[in-house]
Amino acid sequence: MYWIWVLIVGGLIGLAAGALTRRGGSMGVISNIIAGLVGSAIGEAVLGAWGPQVAGMAIVPSIIGAVILVMIVSLIFGVKAER
């Protein structure tokens, strides 16, 4: 049951990062989950695990890390922001 929560929270973090950067329109469910999980790892490694936690992930650093990840990936692949 824990892993289901991890996937759901990771997907929501990836969805939030895509919405904040306006580059998440073409991201699918799997991409949102990957962006959320990898972004969470990046955010917590750089910023630490402070703030509220859900499914073992600190929400604020995870979203910041996912935003950074989405920006870097969109710059590499040339994805433009939606208007």
PDB file of N, CA and C in Angstrom:
ATOM      1  N   MET A   1       0.815  -1.191   0.000  1.00  0.00           N
ATOM      2  CA  MET A   1       0.000   0.000   0.000  1.00  0.00           C
ATOM      3  C   MET A   1       0.868   1.269   0.000  1.00  0.00           C
ATOM      4  N   TYR A   2       2.024   1.186   0.653  1.00  0.00           N
ATOM      5  CA  TYR A   2       2.930   2.325   0.729  1.00  0.00           C
ATOM      6  C   TYR A   2       3.368   2.766  -0.662  1.00  0.00           C
ATOM      7  N   TRP A   3       3.697   1.823  -1.528  1.00  0.00           N
ATOM      8  CA  TRP A   3       4.195   2.164  -2.860  1.00  0.00           C
ATOM      9  C   TRP A   3       3.126   2.812  -3.727  1.00  0.00           C
ATOM     10  N   ILE A   4       1.884   2.452  -3.505  1.00  0.00           N
ATOM     11  CA  ILE A   4       0.794   3.101  -4.239  1.00  0.00           C
ATOM     12  C   ILE A   4       0.723   4.579  -3.851  1.00  0.00           C
ATOM     13  N   TRP A   5       0.870   4.863  -2.541  1.00  0.00           N
ATOM     14  CA  TRP A   5       0.874   6.253  -2.076  1.00  0.00           C
ATOM     15  C   TRP A   5       2.066   7.016  -2.638  1.00  0.00           C
ATOM     16  N   VAL A   6       3.212   6.362  -2.704  1.00  0.00           N
ATOM     17  CA  VAL A   6       4.405   7.004  -3.257  1.00  0.00           C
ATOM     18  C   VAL A   6       4.167   7.382  -4.713  1.00  0.00           C
ATOM     19  N   LEU A   7       3.575   6.497  -5.500  1.00  0.00           N
ATOM     20  CA  LEU A   7       3.300   6.786  -6.910  1.00  0.00           C
ATOM     21  C   LEU A   7       2.265   7.900  -7.061  1.00  0.00           C
ATOM     22  N   ILE A   8       1.231   7.882  -6.229  1.00  0.00           N
ATOM     23  CA  ILE A   8       0.201   8.923  -6.300  1.00  0.00           C
ATOM     24  C   ILE A   8       0.787  10.287  -5.939  1.00  0.00           C
ATOM     25  N   VAL A   9       1.521  10.353  -4.831  1.00  0.00           N
ATOM     26  CA  VAL A   9       2.116  11.627  -4.410  1.00  0.00           C
ATOM     27  C   VAL A   9       3.154  12.090  -5.421  1.00  0.00           C
ATOM     28  N   GLY A  10       3.964  11.179  -5.955  1.00  0.00           N
ATOM     29  CA  GLY A  10       4.931  11.530  -6.990  1.00  0.00           C
ATOM     30  C   GLY A  10       4.254  12.087  -8.232  1.00  0.00           C
ATOM     31  N   GLY A  11       3.144  11.494  -8.623  1.00  0.00           N
ATOM     32  CA  GLY A  11       2.391  12.002  -9.770  1.00  0.00           C
ATOM     33  C   GLY A  11       1.820  13.384  -9.520  1.00  0.00           C
ATOM     34  N   LEU A  12       1.326  13.620  -8.310  1.00  0.00           N
ATOM     35  CA  LEU A  12       0.787  14.941  -7.974  1.00  0.00           C
ATOM     36  C   LEU A  12       1.887  16.003  -7.920  1.00  0.00           C
ATOM     37  N   ILE A  13       3.061  15.627  -7.427  1.00  0.00           N
ATOM     38  CA  ILE A  13       4.194  16.558  -7.402  1.00  0.00           C
ATOM     39  C   ILE A  13       4.626  16.891  -8.833  1.00  0.00           C
ATOM     40  N   GLY A  14       4.702  15.888  -9.693  1.00  0.00           N
ATOM     41  CA  GLY A  14       5.034  16.125 -11.105  1.00  0.00           C
ATOM     42  C   GLY A  14       3.984  16.965 -11.806  1.00  0.00           C
ATOM     43  N   LEU A  15       2.715  16.738 -11.489  1.00  0.00           N
ATOM     44  CA  LEU A  15       1.635  17.533 -12.059  1.00  0.00           C
ATOM     45  C   LEU A  15       1.743  18.991 -11.621  1.00  0.00           C
ATOM     46  N   ALA A  16       2.039  19.204 -10.343  1.00  0.00           N
ATOM     47  CA  ALA A  16       2.206  20.571  -9.827  1.00  0.00           C
ATOM     48  C   ALA A  16       3.400  21.259 -10.492  1.00  0.00           C
ATOM     49  N   ALA A  17       4.487  20.536 -10.665  1.00  0.00           N
ATOM     50  CA  ALA A  17       5.671  21.123 -11.311  1.00  0.00           C
ATOM     51  C   ALA A  17       5.380  21.485 -12.758  1.00  0.00           C
ATOM     52  N   GLY A  18       4.672  20.644 -13.469  1.00  0.00           N
ATOM     53  CA  GLY A  18       4.305  20.952 -14.854  1.00  0.00           C
ATOM     54  C   GLY A  18       3.375  22.147 -14.943  1.00  0.00           C
ATOM     55  N   ALA A  19       2.455  22.267 -13.985  1.00  0.00           N
ATOM     56  CA  ALA A  19       1.534  23.405 -13.981  1.00  0.00           C
ATOM     57  C   ALA A  19       2.261  24.696 -13.630  1.00  0.00           C
ATOM     58  N   LEU A  20       3.192  24.641 -12.687  1.00  0.00           N
ATOM     59  CA  LEU A  20       3.928  25.841 -12.291  1.00  0.00           C
ATOM     60  C   LEU A  20       4.829  26.353 -13.410  1.00  0.00           C
ATOM     61  N   THR A  21       5.407  25.443 -14.173  1.00  0.00           N
ATOM     62  CA  THR A  21       6.305  25.848 -15.257  1.00  0.00           C
ATOM     63  C   THR A  21       5.561  26.056 -16.572  1.00  0.00           C
ATOM     64  N   ARG A  22       4.296  25.678 -16.627  1.00  0.00           N
ATOM     65  CA  ARG A  22       3.481  25.733 -17.839  1.00  0.00           C
ATOM     66  C   ARG A  22       4.083  24.915 -18.969  1.00  0.00           C
ATOM     67  N   ARG A  23       4.775  23.860 -18.625  1.00  0.00           N
ATOM     68  CA  ARG A  23       5.359  22.974 -19.626  1.00  0.00           C
ATOM     69  C   ARG A  23       4.849  21.547 -19.457  1.00  0.00           C
ATOM     70  N   GLY A  24       3.827  21.358 -18.675  1.00  0.00           N
ATOM     71  CA  GLY A  24       3.356  20.026 -18.369  1.00  0.00           C
ATOM     72  C   GLY A  24       2.185  19.547 -19.191  1.00  0.00           C
ATOM     73  N   GLY A  25       1.767  20.327 -20.179  1.00  0.00           N
ATOM     74  CA  GLY A  25       0.606  19.950 -20.969  1.00  0.00           C
ATOM     75  C   GLY A  25       0.803  18.669 -21.753  1.00  0.00           C
ATOM     76  N   SER A  26       2.002  18.433 -22.226  1.00  0.00           N
ATOM     77  CA  SER A  26       2.261  17.243 -23.028  1.00  0.00           C
ATOM     78  C   SER A  26       2.765  16.074 -22.190  1.00  0.00           C
ATOM     79  N   MET A  27       2.943  16.305 -20.890  1.00  0.00           N
ATOM     80  CA  MET A  27       3.419  15.233 -20.015  1.00  0.00           C
ATOM     81  C   MET A  27       2.274  14.277 -19.709  1.00  0.00           C
ATOM     82  N   GLY A  28       2.539  12.995 -19.781  1.00  0.00           N
ATOM     83  CA  GLY A  28       1.537  12.003 -19.445  1.00  0.00           C
ATOM     84  C   GLY A  28       1.631  11.607 -17.984  1.00  0.00           C
ATOM     85  N   VAL A  29       0.859  10.622 -17.597  1.00  0.00           N
ATOM     86  CA  VAL A  29       0.823  10.166 -16.209  1.00  0.00           C
ATOM     87  C   VAL A  29       2.178   9.610 -15.791  1.00  0.00           C
ATOM     88  N   ILE A  30       2.784   8.800 -16.631  1.00  0.00           N
ATOM     89  CA  ILE A  30       4.080   8.199 -16.298  1.00  0.00           C
ATOM     90  C   ILE A  30       5.148   9.278 -16.172  1.00  0.00           C
ATOM     91  N   SER A  31       5.129  10.255 -17.070  1.00  0.00           N
ATOM     92  CA  SER A  31       6.103  11.356 -16.996  1.00  0.00           C
ATOM     93  C   SER A  31       5.913  12.182 -15.736  1.00  0.00           C
ATOM     94  N   ASN A  32       4.660  12.401 -15.329  1.00  0.00           N
ATOM     95  CA  ASN A  32       4.406  13.124 -14.086  1.00  0.00           C
ATOM     96  C   ASN A  32       4.951  12.370 -12.877  1.00  0.00           C
ATOM     97  N   ILE A  33       4.754  11.068 -12.852  1.00  0.00           N
ATOM     98  CA  ILE A  33       5.243  10.256 -11.736  1.00  0.00           C
ATOM     99  C   ILE A  33       6.766  10.290 -11.693  1.00  0.00           C
ATOM    100  N   ILE A  34       7.403  10.127 -12.852  1.00  0.00           N
ATOM    101  CA  ILE A  34       8.868  10.147 -12.907  1.00  0.00           C
ATOM    102  C   ILE A  34       9.401  11.511 -12.497  1.00  0.00           C
ATOM    103  N   ALA A  35       8.794  12.576 -13.023  1.00  0.00           N
ATOM    104  CA  ALA A  35       9.232  13.932 -12.667  1.00  0.00           C
ATOM    105  C   ALA A  35       9.051  14.179 -11.179  1.00  0.00           C
ATOM    106  N   GLY A  36       7.964  13.697 -10.607  1.00  0.00           N
ATOM    107  CA  GLY A  36       7.717  13.879  -9.181  1.00  0.00           C
ATOM    108  C   GLY A  36       8.696  13.109  -8.315  1.00  0.00           C
ATOM    109  N   LEU A  37       8.978  11.868  -8.674  1.00  0.00           N
ATOM    110  CA  LEU A  37       9.890  11.052  -7.867  1.00  0.00           C
ATOM    111  C   LEU A  37      11.333  11.517  -7.983  1.00  0.00           C
ATOM    112  N   VAL A  38      11.780  11.782  -9.201  1.00  0.00           N
ATOM    113  CA  VAL A  38      13.154  12.256  -9.400  1.00  0.00           C
ATOM    114  C   VAL A  38      13.308  13.664  -8.833  1.00  0.00           C
ATOM    115  N   GLY A  39      12.306  14.512  -9.061  1.00  0.00           N
ATOM    116  CA  GLY A  39      12.334  15.859  -8.504  1.00  0.00           C
ATOM    117  C   GLY A  39      12.347  15.854  -6.995  1.00  0.00           C
ATOM    118  N   SER A  40      11.639  14.913  -6.399  1.00  0.00           N
ATOM    119  CA  SER A  40      11.649  14.779  -4.941  1.00  0.00           C
ATOM    120  C   SER A  40      13.034  14.408  -4.439  1.00  0.00           C
ATOM    121  N   ALA A  41      13.674  13.498  -5.127  1.00  0.00           N
ATOM    122  CA  ALA A  41      15.028  13.100  -4.726  1.00  0.00           C
ATOM    123  C   ALA A  41      16.003  14.273  -4.867  1.00  0.00           C
ATOM    124  N   ILE A  42      15.892  15.028  -5.957  1.00  0.00           N
ATOM    125  CA  ILE A  42      16.763  16.184  -6.172  1.00  0.00           C
ATOM    126  C   ILE A  42      16.491  17.254  -5.123  1.00  0.00           C
ATOM    127  N   GLY A  43      15.231  17.582  -4.925  1.00  0.00           N
ATOM    128  CA  GLY A  43      14.863  18.624  -3.974  1.00  0.00           C
ATOM    129  C   GLY A  43      15.279  18.315  -2.552  1.00  0.00           C
ATOM    130  N   GLU A  44      15.065  17.084  -2.123  1.00  0.00           N
ATOM    131  CA  GLU A  44      15.432  16.715  -0.762  1.00  0.00           C
ATOM    132  C   GLU A  44      16.944  16.597  -0.608  1.00  0.00           C
ATOM    133  N   ALA A  45      17.658  16.231  -1.655  1.00  0.00           N
ATOM    134  CA  ALA A  45      19.121  16.164  -1.578  1.00  0.00           C
ATOM    135  C   ALA A  45      19.728  17.559  -1.467  1.00  0.00           C
ATOM    136  N   VAL A  46      19.160  18.519  -2.196  1.00  0.00           N
ATOM    137  CA  VAL A  46      19.702  19.874  -2.204  1.00  0.00           C
ATOM    138  C   VAL A  46      19.187  20.694  -1.026  1.00  0.00           C
ATOM    139  N   LEU A  47      17.893  20.618  -0.758  1.00  0.00           N
ATOM    140  CA  LEU A  47      17.269  21.490   0.234  1.00  0.00           C
ATOM    141  C   LEU A  47      16.998  20.835   1.582  1.00  0.00           C
ATOM    142  N   GLY A  48      17.085  19.527   1.653  1.00  0.00           N
ATOM    143  CA  GLY A  48      16.782  18.830   2.897  1.00  0.00           C
ATOM    144  C   GLY A  48      15.311  18.453   2.962  1.00  0.00           C
ATOM    145  N   ALA A  49      14.941  17.741   4.002  1.00  0.00           N
ATOM    146  CA  ALA A  49      13.571  17.243   4.152  1.00  0.00           C
ATOM    147  C   ALA A  49      12.837  18.058   5.213  1.00  0.00           C
ATOM    148  N   TRP A  50      12.493  19.290   4.893  1.00  0.00           N
ATOM    149  CA  TRP A  50      11.768  20.139   5.820  1.00  0.00           C
ATOM    150  C   TRP A  50      10.342  20.343   5.319  1.00  0.00           C
ATOM    151  N   GLY A  51       9.473  20.770   6.175  1.00  0.00           N
ATOM    152  CA  GLY A  51       8.086  21.012   5.802  1.00  0.00           C
ATOM    153  C   GLY A  51       7.243  19.764   5.937  1.00  0.00           C
ATOM    154  N   PRO A  52       5.991  19.875   5.523  1.00  0.00           N
ATOM    155  CA  PRO A  52       5.089  18.722   5.641  1.00  0.00           C
ATOM    156  C   PRO A  52       5.534  17.570   4.738  1.00  0.00           C
ATOM    157  N   GLN A  53       5.329  16.353   5.238  1.00  0.00           N
ATOM    158  CA  GLN A  53       5.721  15.165   4.484  1.00  0.00           C
ATOM    159  C   GLN A  53       4.519  14.268   4.241  1.00  0.00           C
ATOM    160  N   VAL A  54       4.450  13.747   3.045  1.00  0.00           N
ATOM    161  CA  VAL A  54       3.417  12.791   2.664  1.00  0.00           C
ATOM    162  C   VAL A  54       4.117  11.643   1.957  1.00  0.00           C
ATOM    163  N   ALA A  55       3.845  10.426   2.373  1.00  0.00           N
ATOM    164  CA  ALA A  55       4.442   9.221   1.784  1.00  0.00           C
ATOM    165  C   ALA A  55       5.966   9.285   1.815  1.00  0.00           C
ATOM    166  N   GLY A  56       6.521   9.892   2.845  1.00  0.00           N
ATOM    167  CA  GLY A  56       7.967   9.955   2.997  1.00  0.00           C
ATOM    168  C   GLY A  56       8.647  11.017   2.165  1.00  0.00           C
ATOM    169  N   MET A  57       7.866  11.878   1.491  1.00  0.00           N
ATOM    170  CA  MET A  57       8.436  12.937   0.662  1.00  0.00           C
ATOM    171  C   MET A  57       8.059  14.291   1.247  1.00  0.00           C
ATOM    172  N   ALA A  58       9.054  15.144   1.452  1.00  0.00           N
ATOM    173  CA  ALA A  58       8.794  16.508   1.905  1.00  0.00           C
ATOM    174  C   ALA A  58       8.226  17.293   0.727  1.00  0.00           C
ATOM    175  N   ILE A  59       7.047  17.835   0.895  1.00  0.00           N
ATOM    176  CA  ILE A  59       6.303  18.402  -0.227  1.00  0.00           C
ATOM    177  C   ILE A  59       6.995  19.615  -0.861  1.00  0.00           C
ATOM    178  N   VAL A  60       7.373  20.605  -0.057  1.00  0.00           N
ATOM    179  CA  VAL A  60       7.932  21.848  -0.625  1.00  0.00           C
ATOM    180  C   VAL A  60       9.259  21.602  -1.355  1.00  0.00           C
ATOM    181  N   PRO A  61      10.251  20.946  -0.730  1.00  0.00           N
ATOM    182  CA  PRO A  61      11.489  20.685  -1.478  1.00  0.00           C
ATOM    183  C   PRO A  61      11.266  19.780  -2.701  1.00  0.00           C
ATOM    184  N   SER A  62      10.302  18.881  -2.605  1.00  0.00           N
ATOM    185  CA  SER A  62      10.017  17.989  -3.729  1.00  0.00           C
ATOM    186  C   SER A  62       9.467  18.758  -4.917  1.00  0.00           C
ATOM    187  N   ILE A  63       8.556  19.693  -4.670  1.00  0.00           N
ATOM    188  CA  ILE A  63       8.000  20.483  -5.766  1.00  0.00           C
ATOM    189  C   ILE A  63       9.075  21.378  -6.377  1.00  0.00           C
ATOM    190  N   ILE A  64       9.912  21.980  -5.526  1.00  0.00           N
ATOM    191  CA  ILE A  64      10.994  22.825  -6.048  1.00  0.00           C
ATOM    192  C   ILE A  64      11.953  21.989  -6.899  1.00  0.00           C
ATOM    193  N   GLY A  65      12.310  20.804  -6.427  1.00  0.00           N
ATOM    194  CA  GLY A  65      13.186  19.922  -7.198  1.00  0.00           C
ATOM    195  C   GLY A  65      12.556  19.483  -8.499  1.00  0.00           C
ATOM    196  N   ALA A  66      11.247  19.194  -8.482  1.00  0.00           N
ATOM    197  CA  ALA A  66      10.559  18.782  -9.702  1.00  0.00           C
ATOM    198  C   ALA A  66      10.467  19.935 -10.702  1.00  0.00           C
ATOM    199  N   VAL A  67      10.273  21.165 -10.207  1.00  0.00           N
ATOM    200  CA  VAL A  67      10.245  22.331 -11.097  1.00  0.00           C
ATOM    201  C   VAL A  67      11.602  22.493 -11.773  1.00  0.00           C
ATOM    202  N   ILE A  68      12.673  22.350 -11.001  1.00  0.00           N
ATOM    203  CA  ILE A  68      14.024  22.445 -11.568  1.00  0.00           C
ATOM    204  C   ILE A  68      14.230  21.362 -12.622  1.00  0.00           C
ATOM    205  N   LEU A  69      13.800  20.147 -12.321  1.00  0.00           N
ATOM    206  CA  LEU A  69      13.940  19.034 -13.271  1.00  0.00           C
ATOM    207  C   LEU A  69      13.155  19.297 -14.554  1.00  0.00           C
ATOM    208  N   VAL A  70      11.911  19.742 -14.442  1.00  0.00           N
ATOM    209  CA  VAL A  70      11.088  20.004 -15.621  1.00  0.00           C
ATOM    210  C   VAL A  70      11.704  21.120 -16.465  1.00  0.00           C
ATOM    211  N   MET A  71      12.230  22.150 -15.824  1.00  0.00           N
ATOM    212  CA  MET A  71      12.865  23.251 -16.569  1.00  0.00           C
ATOM    213  C   MET A  71      14.097  22.758 -17.326  1.00  0.00           C
ATOM    214  N   ILE A  72      14.933  21.955 -16.681  1.00  0.00           N
ATOM    215  CA  ILE A  72      16.137  21.443 -17.332  1.00  0.00           C
ATOM    216  C   ILE A  72      15.779  20.533 -18.503  1.00  0.00           C
ATOM    217  N   VAL A  73      14.836  19.620 -18.293  1.00  0.00           N
ATOM    218  CA  VAL A  73      14.437  18.695 -19.360  1.00  0.00           C
ATOM    219  C   VAL A  73      13.793  19.457 -20.519  1.00  0.00           C
ATOM    220  N   SER A  74      12.968  20.469 -20.212  1.00  0.00           N
ATOM    221  CA  SER A  74      12.337  21.228 -21.296  1.00  0.00           C
ATOM    222  C   SER A  74      13.355  22.071 -22.062  1.00  0.00           C
ATOM    223  N   LEU A  75      14.402  22.541 -21.384  1.00  0.00           N
ATOM    224  CA  LEU A  75      15.456  23.254 -22.102  1.00  0.00           C
ATOM    225  C   LEU A  75      16.245  22.325 -23.021  1.00  0.00           C
ATOM    226  N   ILE A  76      16.499  21.119 -22.554  1.00  0.00           N
ATOM    227  CA  ILE A  76      17.243  20.144 -23.371  1.00  0.00           C
ATOM    228  C   ILE A  76      16.446  19.751 -24.604  1.00  0.00           C
ATOM    229  N   PHE A  77      15.151  19.489 -24.421  1.00  0.00           N
ATOM    230  CA  PHE A  77      14.329  19.022 -25.532  1.00  0.00           C
ATOM    231  C   PHE A  77      13.623  20.157 -26.274  1.00  0.00           C
ATOM    232  N   GLY A  78      13.817  21.393 -25.858  1.00  0.00           N
ATOM    233  CA  GLY A  78      13.252  22.532 -26.554  1.00  0.00           C
ATOM    234  C   GLY A  78      11.756  22.677 -26.436  1.00  0.00           C
ATOM    235  N   VAL A  79      11.177  22.320 -25.307  1.00  0.00           N
ATOM    236  CA  VAL A  79       9.742  22.456 -25.090  1.00  0.00           C
ATOM    237  C   VAL A  79       9.441  23.895 -24.687  1.00  0.00           C
ATOM    238  N   LYS A  80       8.510  24.527 -25.386  1.00  0.00           N
ATOM    239  CA  LYS A  80       8.133  25.904 -25.092  1.00  0.00           C
ATOM    240  C   LYS A  80       7.024  25.934 -24.037  1.00  0.00           C
ATOM    241  N   ALA A  81       6.955  27.014 -23.295  1.00  0.00           N
ATOM    242  CA  ALA A  81       5.904  27.201 -22.309  1.00  0.00           C
ATOM    243  C   ALA A  81       4.576  27.424 -23.009  1.00  0.00           C
ATOM    244  N   GLU A  82       3.511  26.860 -22.437  1.00  0.00           N
ATOM    245  CA  GLU A  82       2.171  27.048 -22.996  1.00  0.00           C
ATOM    246  C   GLU A  82       1.660  28.417 -22.599  1.00  0.00           C
ATOM    247  N   ARG A  83       0.818  28.993 -23.416  1.00  0.00           N
ATOM    248  CA  ARG A  83       0.266  30.320 -23.102  1.00  0.00           C
ATOM    249  C   ARG A  83      -1.170  30.247 -22.772  1.00  0.00           C
TER     250      ARG A  83
END
